[in-house]
């Protein structure tokens, strides 16, 4: 169940957090008086909070504690009767609640001279739950007492611990130790179960009634509270009654053992009320207005859900939690290493490219030199001067194909200058044409239809033009413009009557050489053991069709 928004959440100076509440529907229902509070106006006009009949000082959900007022028990000498007053021993029974007296934070305290008091289990407590403890305060002298201000170690004041898990007690004084003989110096003895941190001894408490007057006859006492009587494991089985309803909350078993209930806490990094839906909210640990700055380096705190990180600024490295941040030397080293590595790689690639270019040029130079040394230039001159023969240059790949990769079965002979192979290549139409023109046999290779359409004179001039275009030397070959002009001239010539009969032959000649059946001849090829070559041409062959 969740409380209504109209529930009273403050009474006087006291905050009232859920599961505590005033009125039905405003507190957690557990079947007892643990979380039931009331807000009443006292005789002095102040609003005060009560649990049953005990005044509440404050409530802590985070610690699971309730602070109440505990009455100071006086026992005084009465001068009118010349005897000690009767004891009005204080007792408190919390069996109707799920409270336990915190044994770590509270102390049973006795103030006075010649005073012995006890704290013991309430009347009716049986068996192993019965207990009794106490302490005695003495006064060796007034001078010694003044020196004990702030100390409660037996002189004018004594304190003792209490057993754990108490939910009730009563106080009594030992009759044999009273103040009747010292009433002029110290008339009263006092006993109280009190929060140790809320008590500070003064010598005047022994010699005057200041102890009662300055504290209103009461001092704070710390109680621990818990939900129900089940453990966390048992409580989780009943989801509808389970009290830890907020996200980011955790269940904690009571410190007083099994069967004493459980508490709910917000998870680490969260704060708020775990008993309310969405009651636990993220803590901004980086908020310097609320917390001490958690990082050792200013400006490095980053809040995260349930926590925070201390991150060094960009381009720095170090420990921002409890150290310093400095330049990221390792990162700089990596950058330098990467830069040097990249430079080395680029240098290697550049050097490799330069070497390959140099090696290619050197190889080309060697080929040209070999070609020159072995008569290559003379061969070219011979090819230029002897127009009656058809010459062709073959690459190494072409020669390998012609000789079946220089198969030993194609060897014709061997000599000091190399090995002679027999090879088979496709017939070259250009070579056939040049040979026929050189020997004056143009008419033999022309198609009869061409010869019938154009005069032989025009055909011979066209053949001469084609021959010039096949010149090896670029200096002797006509330009495209010269070829176009000559063809234009021959076209006009064919329009004259004497050129009409052979016009068809001329057109056919201009359109291309006659189709010839692809046949092959066997030729003799010579290779040198020194691989005479020029540029990419590895071998030279000379052939003359027959």
Protein backbone atom coordinates (compact mmCIF):
# COMPACT_ATOMS: atom_id res chain seq x y z
CA UNK A 1 0.00 0.00 0.00
CA UNK A 2 1.18 3.51 -0.82
CA UNK A 3 0.19 6.53 1.32
CA UNK A 4 -2.09 9.30 0.12
CA UNK A 5 -0.54 12.62 -0.90
CA UNK A 6 -2.77 14.32 1.71
CA UNK A 7 -1.09 12.48 4.59
CA UNK A 8 0.61 14.63 7.24
CA UNK A 9 4.35 14.49 6.67
CA UNK A 10 5.51 17.02 9.23
CA UNK A 11 4.48 17.78 12.79
CA UNK A 12 6.20 20.68 14.48
CA UNK A 13 9.94 20.24 13.93
CA UNK A 14 9.71 16.52 13.14
CA UNK A 15 9.58 15.04 9.62
CA UNK A 16 7.30 11.98 9.32
CA UNK A 17 8.55 9.71 6.49
CA UNK A 18 6.64 6.65 5.30
CA UNK A 19 6.30 3.85 6.53
CA UNK A 20 5.52 6.00 9.62
CA UNK A 21 2.39 8.09 9.45
CA UNK A 22 -0.40 9.85 11.28
CA UNK A 23 -3.85 8.40 10.73
CA UNK A 24 -5.29 5.45 8.86
CA UNK A 25 -3.93 4.90 5.36
CA UNK A 26 -0.83 7.01 6.02
CA UNK A 27 1.42 4.42 7.67
CA UNK A 28 2.46 0.85 6.93
CA UNK A 29 0.01 -1.59 8.43
CA UNK A 30 1.85 -4.28 10.39
CA UNK A 31 -0.71 -5.16 13.04
CA UNK A 32 1.13 -3.37 15.88
CA UNK A 33 2.03 0.16 17.00
CA UNK A 34 5.45 0.33 15.36
CA UNK A 35 4.60 2.86 12.63
CA UNK A 36 1.57 4.51 14.20
CA UNK A 37 2.25 8.11 15.21
CA UNK A 38 0.15 10.99 16.51
CA UNK A 39 0.66 14.74 16.29
CA UNK A 40 -0.50 16.56 19.47
CA UNK A 41 -0.12 20.04 20.88
CA UNK A 42 1.48 20.06 24.33
CA UNK A 43 0.80 22.40 27.26
CA UNK A 44 3.48 24.82 26.05
CA UNK A 45 1.67 25.16 22.69
CA UNK A 46 4.21 23.17 20.67
CA UNK A 47 3.22 20.41 18.23
CA UNK A 48 4.86 17.17 19.25
CA UNK A 49 4.98 13.66 17.71
CA UNK A 50 4.21 10.60 19.83
CA UNK A 51 4.42 6.84 19.36
CA UNK A 52 1.74 5.59 21.69
CA UNK A 53 2.65 7.72 24.78
CA UNK A 54 6.36 8.26 24.09
CA UNK A 55 7.53 11.50 22.49
CA UNK A 56 9.46 11.06 19.22
CA UNK A 57 12.56 13.20 18.55
CA UNK A 58 13.12 12.17 14.92
CA UNK A 59 12.84 9.28 12.44
CA UNK A 60 15.56 7.97 10.07
CA UNK A 61 14.50 5.73 7.18
CA UNK A 62 18.09 5.34 5.99
CA UNK A 63 19.37 4.04 9.35
CA UNK A 64 16.13 2.31 10.38
CA UNK A 65 16.10 4.19 13.67
CA UNK A 66 13.68 6.15 15.83
CA UNK A 67 14.86 8.54 18.56
CA UNK A 68 12.55 9.02 21.53
CA UNK A 69 12.81 10.83 24.83
CA UNK A 70 13.87 8.73 27.82
CA UNK A 71 12.90 10.00 31.32
CA UNK A 72 15.61 10.82 33.87
CA UNK A 73 14.99 8.94 37.15
CA UNK A 74 15.85 11.06 40.26
CA UNK A 75 16.21 9.81 43.85
CA UNK A 76 16.62 12.68 46.30
CA UNK A 77 17.02 13.38 50.02
CA UNK A 78 14.05 15.23 51.51
CA UNK A 79 15.10 17.71 54.16
CA UNK A 80 11.57 18.06 55.45
CA UNK A 81 11.30 14.38 56.26
CA UNK A 82 15.00 13.88 56.85
CA UNK A 83 14.83 10.82 54.65
CA UNK A 84 15.16 9.72 51.08
CA UNK A 85 12.08 10.15 48.90
CA UNK A 86 10.38 7.10 47.57
CA UNK A 87 11.64 5.73 44.24
CA UNK A 88 9.42 6.35 41.24
CA UNK A 89 11.29 3.86 39.10
CA UNK A 90 10.90 4.40 35.37
CA UNK A 91 9.98 1.49 33.18
CA UNK A 92 9.27 1.10 29.45
CA UNK A 93 7.66 -1.93 27.78
CA UNK A 94 7.94 -2.00 23.93
CA UNK A 95 6.40 -5.39 23.42
CA UNK A 96 3.52 -3.79 21.50
CA UNK A 97 5.98 -2.55 18.86
CA UNK A 98 8.81 -3.95 16.75
CA UNK A 99 11.42 -1.69 18.38
CA UNK A 100 14.73 -2.75 19.90
CA UNK A 101 16.96 -0.60 22.13
CA UNK A 102 20.23 0.03 20.25
CA UNK A 103 22.94 -1.43 22.47
CA UNK A 104 25.80 0.21 20.53
CA UNK A 105 24.59 3.82 20.74
CA UNK A 106 22.99 3.89 24.21
CA UNK A 107 24.47 3.71 27.72
CA UNK A 108 22.95 3.27 31.17
CA UNK A 109 24.19 6.32 33.07
CA UNK A 110 24.27 7.14 36.82
CA UNK A 111 25.03 10.65 38.16
CA UNK A 112 25.68 11.46 41.84
CA UNK A 113 27.80 10.65 44.83
CA UNK A 114 27.55 7.37 46.70
CA UNK A 115 25.01 6.28 44.03
CA UNK A 116 24.40 2.72 42.82
CA UNK A 117 21.64 2.06 40.25
CA UNK A 118 20.49 -0.88 38.15
CA UNK A 119 18.83 -1.40 34.77
CA UNK A 120 16.94 -4.67 34.60
CA UNK A 121 14.28 -6.55 32.69
CA UNK A 122 10.64 -5.55 33.25
CA UNK A 123 8.61 -7.36 35.84
CA UNK A 124 7.23 -10.60 34.55
CA UNK A 125 10.20 -11.36 32.28
CA UNK A 126 10.99 -15.04 32.61
CA UNK A 127 13.80 -17.40 31.97
CA UNK A 128 16.72 -16.56 29.71
CA UNK A 129 15.30 -13.12 28.82
CA UNK A 130 15.90 -11.79 32.36
CA UNK A 131 18.88 -9.48 32.87
CA UNK A 132 20.28 -6.85 35.27
CA UNK A 133 23.31 -4.57 35.14
CA UNK A 134 24.32 -1.30 36.74
CA UNK A 135 27.15 1.01 37.89
CA UNK A 136 28.20 3.11 40.91
CA UNK A 137 29.32 6.76 41.04
CA UNK A 138 31.49 8.04 43.94
CA UNK A 139 32.81 11.49 44.98
CA UNK A 140 36.29 11.45 46.61
CA UNK A 141 36.15 15.21 47.10
CA UNK A 142 34.83 18.48 45.64
CA UNK A 143 38.22 19.39 44.13
CA UNK A 144 38.50 16.10 42.34
CA UNK A 145 34.92 16.37 41.03
CA UNK A 146 35.58 19.65 39.24
CA UNK A 147 38.32 17.97 37.24
CA UNK A 148 35.86 15.38 35.89
CA UNK A 149 33.85 17.72 33.67
CA UNK A 150 33.25 15.95 30.33
CA UNK A 151 34.26 12.57 31.74
CA UNK A 152 31.95 9.85 33.03
CA UNK A 153 34.33 7.30 34.48
CA UNK A 154 33.14 6.72 38.05
CA UNK A 155 33.79 10.07 39.74
CA UNK A 156 30.38 11.74 40.02
CA UNK A 157 29.24 9.79 36.95
CA UNK A 158 29.38 6.26 35.61
CA UNK A 159 28.15 4.49 32.50
CA UNK A 160 27.68 0.85 31.48
CA UNK A 161 26.68 -1.01 28.33
CA UNK A 162 23.39 -2.85 27.99
CA UNK A 163 22.55 -6.26 26.49
CA UNK A 164 21.55 -6.41 22.83
CA UNK A 165 17.97 -6.84 21.63
CA UNK A 166 16.15 -5.30 24.60
CA UNK A 167 12.57 -4.17 24.03
CA UNK A 168 11.83 -3.13 27.62
CA UNK A 169 13.54 -2.17 30.87
CA UNK A 170 13.11 -0.64 34.33
CA UNK A 171 15.42 1.36 36.60
CA UNK A 172 15.99 1.08 40.35
CA UNK A 173 18.46 2.39 42.99
CA UNK A 174 20.23 0.41 45.65
CA UNK A 175 18.78 1.61 49.00
CA UNK A 176 22.06 1.15 50.91
CA UNK A 177 23.77 3.74 48.73
CA UNK A 178 22.00 7.07 49.15
CA UNK A 179 22.70 10.75 49.67
CA UNK A 180 21.27 11.19 53.17
CA UNK A 181 24.72 11.68 54.66
CA UNK A 182 25.90 14.13 52.00
CA UNK A 183 22.71 16.02 51.25
CA UNK A 184 24.43 19.37 51.87
CA UNK A 185 26.87 18.64 49.05
CA UNK A 186 24.88 16.33 46.73
CA UNK A 187 21.20 15.89 47.46
CA UNK A 188 20.10 13.69 44.50
CA UNK A 189 21.17 10.68 42.49
CA UNK A 190 20.07 10.22 38.86
CA UNK A 191 19.79 7.23 36.52
CA UNK A 192 18.86 7.25 32.83
CA UNK A 193 19.21 5.09 29.72
CA UNK A 194 20.52 7.62 27.21
CA UNK A 195 22.09 8.04 23.78
CA UNK A 196 25.77 8.23 24.67
CA UNK A 197 26.55 11.02 22.21
CA UNK A 198 23.73 13.20 23.63
CA UNK A 199 25.18 13.22 27.18
CA UNK A 200 28.03 15.39 28.43
CA UNK A 201 28.83 15.24 32.16
CA UNK A 202 29.20 18.39 34.24
CA UNK A 203 30.21 18.56 37.92
CA UNK A 204 27.24 20.86 38.57
CA UNK A 205 24.91 17.94 37.81
CA UNK A 206 26.05 16.41 41.11
CA UNK A 207 25.85 19.51 43.33
CA UNK A 208 22.70 21.17 41.88
CA UNK A 209 19.43 20.26 40.13
CA UNK A 210 20.83 21.49 36.75
CA UNK A 211 20.76 17.98 35.26
CA UNK A 212 16.94 17.82 35.44
CA UNK A 213 16.29 21.51 34.77
CA UNK A 214 18.52 21.95 31.70
CA UNK A 215 17.25 18.81 29.96
CA UNK A 216 13.55 19.02 30.84
CA UNK A 217 13.79 15.78 32.77
CA UNK A 218 14.48 13.70 29.65
CA UNK A 219 17.25 12.78 27.19
CA UNK A 220 17.26 11.06 23.73
CA UNK A 221 17.29 7.28 23.39
CA UNK A 222 17.90 5.43 20.09
CA UNK A 223 15.59 2.60 19.02
CA UNK A 224 16.00 0.29 16.02
CA UNK A 225 12.90 -0.65 14.04
CA UNK A 226 12.12 -3.29 11.40
CA UNK A 227 9.28 -4.49 9.17
CA UNK A 228 7.31 -7.44 10.56
CA UNK A 229 8.92 -10.62 11.83
CA UNK A 230 10.02 -12.27 8.57
CA UNK A 231 13.40 -12.48 6.88
CA UNK A 232 13.97 -10.90 3.44
CA UNK A 233 13.76 -14.28 1.76
CA UNK A 234 10.45 -15.03 3.41
CA UNK A 235 9.01 -11.54 2.81
CA UNK A 236 9.77 -11.61 -0.93
CA UNK A 237 7.51 -14.60 -1.38
CA UNK A 238 4.50 -12.37 -0.70
CA UNK A 239 4.91 -9.62 -3.28
CA UNK A 240 1.75 -7.77 -2.25
CA UNK A 241 3.03 -7.31 1.31
CA UNK A 242 6.71 -6.86 0.49
CA UNK A 243 7.72 -3.37 1.66
CA UNK A 244 10.78 -2.67 -0.56
CA UNK A 245 8.77 -1.38 -3.52
CA UNK A 246 11.16 1.16 -5.07
CA UNK A 247 13.40 0.33 -7.97
CA UNK A 248 17.09 0.35 -7.03
CA UNK A 249 16.29 -0.80 -3.49
CA UNK A 250 17.54 -3.74 -1.43
CA UNK A 251 16.25 -5.81 1.46
CA UNK A 252 18.36 -6.22 4.63
CA UNK A 253 17.59 -8.63 7.47
CA UNK A 254 17.31 -7.11 10.94
CA UNK A 255 20.58 -7.03 12.88
CA UNK A 256 18.82 -8.73 15.79
CA UNK A 257 18.48 -12.06 14.02
CA UNK A 258 15.93 -14.31 12.44
CA UNK A 259 12.32 -13.57 13.18
CA UNK A 260 13.05 -9.93 14.03
CA UNK A 261 11.97 -8.49 10.65
CA UNK A 262 13.77 -6.72 7.80
CA UNK A 263 14.62 -3.24 6.50
CA UNK A 264 14.72 -1.68 3.04
CA UNK A 265 17.68 0.37 1.81
CA UNK A 266 18.33 2.23 -1.42
CA UNK A 267 21.06 0.58 -3.49
CA UNK A 268 24.56 2.03 -3.49
CA UNK A 269 24.65 5.30 -5.44
CA UNK A 270 20.95 5.99 -4.77
CA UNK A 271 19.19 7.87 -2.00
CA UNK A 272 15.60 8.38 -0.87
CA UNK A 273 12.78 6.31 0.53
CA UNK A 274 12.80 2.65 -0.58
CA UNK A 275 9.31 2.14 0.84
CA UNK A 276 7.80 4.43 -1.84
CA UNK A 277 7.44 3.71 -5.57
CA UNK A 278 10.39 5.40 -7.34
CA UNK A 279 11.54 6.55 -3.93
CA UNK A 280 15.24 5.79 -4.58
CA UNK A 281 16.86 8.39 -6.84
CA UNK A 282 20.36 8.58 -8.26
CA UNK A 283 22.86 10.52 -6.17
CA UNK A 284 24.89 13.12 -8.10
CA UNK A 285 28.20 12.55 -6.37
CA UNK A 286 29.74 15.33 -8.47
CA UNK A 287 27.50 18.00 -6.87
CA UNK A 288 29.98 19.95 -4.74
CA UNK A 289 27.15 21.83 -3.03
CA UNK A 290 26.01 18.56 -1.39
CA UNK A 291 29.12 16.39 -1.22
CA UNK A 292 32.83 16.65 -0.91
CA UNK A 293 34.26 16.52 -4.44
CA UNK A 294 35.11 12.81 -4.99
CA UNK A 295 37.93 13.25 -7.52
CA UNK A 296 41.46 14.46 -6.84
CA UNK A 297 41.58 16.41 -10.14
CA UNK A 298 39.05 19.29 -10.50
CA UNK A 299 36.59 19.04 -13.39
CA UNK A 300 37.05 15.29 -13.92
CA UNK A 301 33.95 13.96 -12.11
CA UNK A 302 31.23 12.46 -14.33
CA UNK A 303 28.00 11.33 -12.68
CA UNK A 304 26.68 7.91 -13.75
CA UNK A 305 23.53 5.97 -12.71
CA UNK A 306 24.34 4.71 -9.24
CA UNK A 307 27.90 6.03 -9.26
CA UNK A 308 30.49 8.31 -10.82
CA UNK A 309 33.78 8.23 -12.67
CA UNK A 310 36.87 10.42 -12.45
CA UNK A 311 38.10 10.71 -16.04
CA UNK A 312 41.26 12.54 -17.02
CA UNK A 313 40.74 15.25 -19.69
CA UNK A 314 41.33 14.48 -23.36
CA UNK A 315 44.96 13.96 -24.37
CA UNK A 316 45.98 13.35 -20.74
CA UNK A 317 46.45 10.24 -18.67
CA UNK A 318 46.72 9.43 -14.99
CA UNK A 319 44.64 8.69 -11.89
CA UNK A 320 41.93 11.32 -11.41
CA UNK A 321 40.49 9.44 -8.40
CA UNK A 322 43.37 10.00 -6.01
CA UNK A 323 46.28 11.10 -8.15
CA UNK A 324 46.98 13.53 -11.00
CA UNK A 325 46.52 13.75 -14.78
CA UNK A 326 49.39 14.52 -17.13
CA UNK A 327 50.26 14.52 -20.82
CA UNK A 328 49.60 11.21 -22.49
CA UNK A 329 53.21 10.37 -23.32
CA UNK A 330 52.33 6.84 -24.33
CA UNK A 331 49.76 8.16 -26.80
CA UNK A 332 52.34 10.60 -28.16
CA UNK A 333 54.78 7.72 -28.46
CA UNK A 334 52.23 5.69 -30.39
CA UNK A 335 51.60 8.61 -32.72
CA UNK A 336 55.34 9.01 -33.31
CA UNK A 337 55.72 5.27 -33.86
CA UNK A 338 52.81 5.20 -36.32
CA UNK A 339 54.20 8.24 -38.15
CA UNK A 340 57.66 6.68 -38.42
CA UNK A 341 56.19 3.35 -39.54
CA UNK A 342 54.06 5.05 -42.19
CA UNK A 343 57.07 7.01 -43.39
CA UNK A 344 59.16 3.84 -43.62
CA UNK A 345 56.42 2.03 -45.58
CA UNK A 346 56.06 4.97 -48.00
CA UNK A 347 59.83 5.13 -48.38
CA UNK A 348 60.02 1.39 -49.13
CA UNK A 349 57.21 1.63 -51.69
CA UNK A 350 58.82 4.66 -53.34
CA UNK A 351 62.23 3.00 -53.40
CA UNK A 352 60.70 -0.18 -54.86
CA UNK A 353 58.95 1.80 -57.62
CA UNK A 354 62.14 3.71 -58.42
CA UNK A 355 64.11 0.45 -58.51
CA UNK A 356 61.58 -1.25 -60.83
CA UNK A 357 61.55 1.74 -63.18
CA UNK A 358 65.34 1.84 -63.16
CA UNK A 359 65.54 -1.94 -63.71
CA UNK A 360 63.07 -1.75 -66.61
CA UNK A 361 65.01 1.06 -68.25
CA UNK A 362 68.29 -0.77 -67.66
CA UNK A 363 66.85 -3.95 -69.24
CA UNK A 364 65.60 -1.96 -72.22
CA UNK A 365 69.03 -0.36 -72.56
CA UNK A 366 70.69 -3.80 -72.45
CA UNK A 367 68.28 -5.08 -75.12
CA UNK A 368 69.01 -2.13 -77.36
CA UNK A 369 72.73 -2.59 -76.83
CA UNK A 370 72.53 -6.31 -77.65
CA UNK A 371 70.41 -5.50 -80.69
CA UNK A 372 73.04 -3.02 -81.88
CA UNK A 373 76.01 -5.30 -81.11
CA UNK A 374 74.50 -8.21 -83.01
CA UNK A 375 73.69 -6.38 -86.21
CA UNK A 376 70.18 -5.25 -85.51
CA UNK A 377 70.75 -1.82 -87.05
CA UNK A 378 72.32 -3.38 -90.13
CA UNK A 379 69.27 -5.63 -90.41
CA UNK A 380 66.96 -2.61 -90.37
CA UNK A 381 69.04 -0.92 -93.04
CA UNK A 382 68.90 -4.08 -95.12
CA UNK A 383 65.12 -4.22 -94.68
CA UNK A 384 64.82 -0.61 -95.84
CA UNK A 385 67.02 -1.08 -98.91
CA UNK A 386 65.50 -4.35 -100.08
CA UNK A 387 61.90 -3.50 -100.77
CA UNK A 388 61.39 -6.69 -102.74
CA UNK A 389 61.42 -8.79 -99.62
CA UNK A 390 58.87 -8.92 -96.85
CA UNK A 391 60.28 -8.67 -93.35
CA UNK A 392 58.50 -9.31 -90.04
CA UNK A 393 59.52 -8.97 -86.38
CA UNK A 394 58.22 -11.65 -84.00
CA UNK A 395 57.85 -11.50 -80.22
CA UNK A 396 59.04 -14.27 -77.97
CA UNK A 397 55.45 -15.37 -77.33
CA UNK A 398 54.79 -15.68 -81.06
CA UNK A 399 57.95 -17.75 -81.55
CA UNK A 400 57.07 -20.01 -78.60
CA UNK A 401 53.65 -20.62 -80.15
CA UNK A 402 55.18 -21.29 -83.62
CA UNK A 403 57.74 -23.80 -82.25
CA UNK A 404 55.47 -25.40 -79.62
CA UNK A 405 57.54 -23.80 -76.85
CA UNK A 406 60.82 -24.58 -78.63
CA UNK A 407 60.08 -28.29 -78.75
CA UNK A 408 63.26 -30.35 -79.38
CA UNK A 409 61.41 -32.18 -82.17
CA UNK A 410 61.40 -28.89 -84.15
CA UNK A 411 65.19 -28.44 -84.00
CA UNK A 412 66.75 -28.29 -87.50
CA UNK A 413 70.31 -27.72 -86.41
CA UNK A 414 72.68 -26.22 -83.84
CA UNK A 415 75.73 -24.04 -84.23
CA UNK A 416 78.07 -21.68 -82.43
CA UNK A 417 75.63 -18.78 -82.69
CA UNK A 418 72.46 -20.60 -81.63
CA UNK A 419 69.85 -23.23 -82.47
CA UNK A 420 67.66 -23.29 -85.60
CA UNK A 421 64.00 -24.35 -85.13
CA UNK A 422 61.26 -25.17 -87.59
CA UNK A 423 58.06 -23.19 -86.89
CA UNK A 424 54.56 -22.82 -88.28
CA UNK A 425 52.91 -19.36 -88.47
CA UNK A 426 49.89 -17.90 -90.19
CA UNK A 427 50.57 -16.31 -93.62
CA UNK A 428 50.89 -12.51 -93.60
CA UNK A 429 48.69 -10.89 -96.31
CA UNK A 430 50.80 -7.71 -96.15
CA UNK A 431 53.97 -9.62 -96.95
CA UNK A 432 52.28 -11.41 -99.87
CA UNK A 433 51.10 -8.06 -101.24
CA UNK A 434 54.57 -6.44 -101.05
CA UNK A 435 56.22 -9.45 -102.66
CA UNK A 436 53.73 -9.48 -105.55
CA UNK A 437 54.13 -5.73 -106.20
CA UNK A 438 57.92 -5.97 -106.02
CA UNK A 439 57.96 -8.78 -108.62
CA UNK A 440 55.39 -7.10 -110.90
CA UNK A 441 52.73 -9.72 -110.22
CA UNK A 442 50.00 -7.41 -108.93
CA UNK A 443 47.49 -8.73 -111.45
CA UNK A 444 47.94 -12.28 -110.11
CA UNK A 445 46.67 -11.46 -106.61
CA UNK A 446 43.80 -9.15 -107.63
CA UNK A 447 40.21 -10.38 -107.80
CA UNK A 448 38.97 -10.65 -111.44
CA UNK A 449 35.92 -8.48 -110.64
CA UNK A 450 38.21 -5.67 -109.42
CA UNK A 451 40.34 -5.87 -112.56
CA UNK A 452 37.19 -5.65 -114.69
CA UNK A 453 35.87 -2.52 -112.96
CA UNK A 454 38.98 -0.32 -112.99
CA UNK A 455 41.95 0.32 -115.24
CA UNK A 456 45.23 -1.35 -114.39
CA UNK A 457 46.96 2.03 -114.30
CA UNK A 458 44.74 3.26 -111.43
CA UNK A 459 45.10 -0.04 -109.62
CA UNK A 460 48.89 0.12 -109.83
CA UNK A 461 48.86 3.67 -108.42
CA UNK A 462 46.65 2.57 -105.53
CA UNK A 463 48.96 -0.41 -104.93
CA UNK A 464 51.95 1.94 -104.86
CA UNK A 465 50.19 4.09 -102.26
CA UNK A 466 49.47 0.99 -100.14
CA UNK A 467 53.10 -0.07 -100.45
CA UNK A 468 54.25 3.29 -99.12
CA UNK A 469 51.92 2.92 -96.14
CA UNK A 470 53.62 -0.41 -95.28
CA UNK A 471 57.09 1.16 -95.11
CA UNK A 472 58.99 0.21 -91.95
CA UNK A 473 60.59 3.62 -91.68
CA UNK A 474 58.16 6.29 -90.47
CA UNK A 475 60.00 8.92 -92.48
CA UNK A 476 59.09 7.17 -95.74
CA UNK A 477 55.42 6.57 -94.84
CA UNK A 478 52.96 9.21 -96.15
CA UNK A 479 50.84 11.18 -93.69
CA UNK A 480 47.08 10.64 -93.45
CA UNK A 481 46.51 13.93 -95.22
CA UNK A 482 48.74 12.87 -98.11
CA UNK A 483 46.92 9.53 -98.33
CA UNK A 484 43.55 11.30 -98.42
CA UNK A 485 44.67 13.72 -101.14
CA UNK A 486 46.08 10.89 -103.29
CA UNK A 487 42.91 8.82 -102.94
CA UNK A 488 40.86 11.88 -103.90
CA UNK A 489 42.99 12.37 -106.97
CA UNK A 490 42.67 8.73 -107.98
CA UNK A 491 38.89 8.94 -107.43
CA UNK A 492 38.63 11.84 -109.84
CA UNK A 493 40.86 9.97 -112.30
CA UNK A 494 38.48 7.00 -112.26
CA UNK A 495 35.66 9.30 -113.48
CA UNK A 496 37.36 9.76 -116.84
CA UNK A 497 36.31 7.40 -119.58
CA UNK A 498 39.61 5.65 -119.64
CA UNK A 499 39.26 4.86 -115.96
CA UNK A 500 35.63 3.52 -116.00
CA UNK A 501 36.24 -0.15 -116.88
CA UNK A 502 38.40 -0.68 -113.86
CA UNK A 503 36.49 1.49 -111.38
CA UNK A 504 35.18 -1.60 -109.57
CA UNK A 505 38.65 -3.01 -109.16
CA UNK A 506 39.87 0.29 -107.73
CA UNK A 507 37.00 0.42 -105.25
CA UNK A 508 37.65 -3.13 -104.18
CA UNK A 509 41.35 -2.39 -103.74
CA UNK A 510 40.57 0.70 -101.63
CA UNK A 511 38.10 -1.29 -99.54
CA UNK A 512 40.68 -3.87 -98.57
CA UNK A 513 42.85 -6.65 -99.90
CA UNK A 514 41.17 -9.72 -101.36
CA UNK A 515 40.20 -12.35 -98.83
CA UNK A 516 42.63 -15.15 -98.87
CA UNK A 517 42.33 -18.54 -97.40
CA UNK A 518 44.37 -18.73 -94.25
CA UNK A 519 47.11 -21.15 -94.85
CA UNK A 520 50.46 -21.60 -93.30
CA UNK A 521 54.00 -22.07 -94.48
CA UNK A 522 56.89 -23.72 -92.81
CA UNK A 523 59.82 -21.39 -92.24
CA UNK A 524 63.20 -21.63 -90.64
CA UNK A 525 63.68 -19.50 -87.51
CA UNK A 526 66.95 -18.78 -85.87
CA UNK A 527 67.41 -18.10 -82.19
CA UNK A 528 70.60 -17.01 -80.60
CA UNK A 529 71.82 -18.16 -77.27
CA UNK A 530 72.38 -14.47 -76.55
CA UNK A 531 68.67 -13.58 -77.21
CA UNK A 532 69.21 -10.69 -79.59
CA UNK A 533 66.22 -8.37 -79.07
CA UNK A 534 64.93 -4.83 -79.33
CA UNK A 535 62.51 -3.50 -76.72
CA UNK A 536 59.80 -6.17 -76.28
CA UNK A 537 60.82 -7.99 -79.53
CA UNK A 538 62.87 -10.96 -78.57
CA UNK A 539 63.51 -12.59 -81.96
CA UNK A 540 63.78 -11.53 -85.63
CA UNK A 541 62.67 -13.66 -88.53
CA UNK A 542 62.96 -13.08 -92.27
CA UNK A 543 60.71 -14.74 -94.73
CA UNK A 544 59.97 -14.58 -98.43
CA UNK A 545 56.80 -16.21 -99.74
CA UNK A 546 57.22 -18.71 -102.48
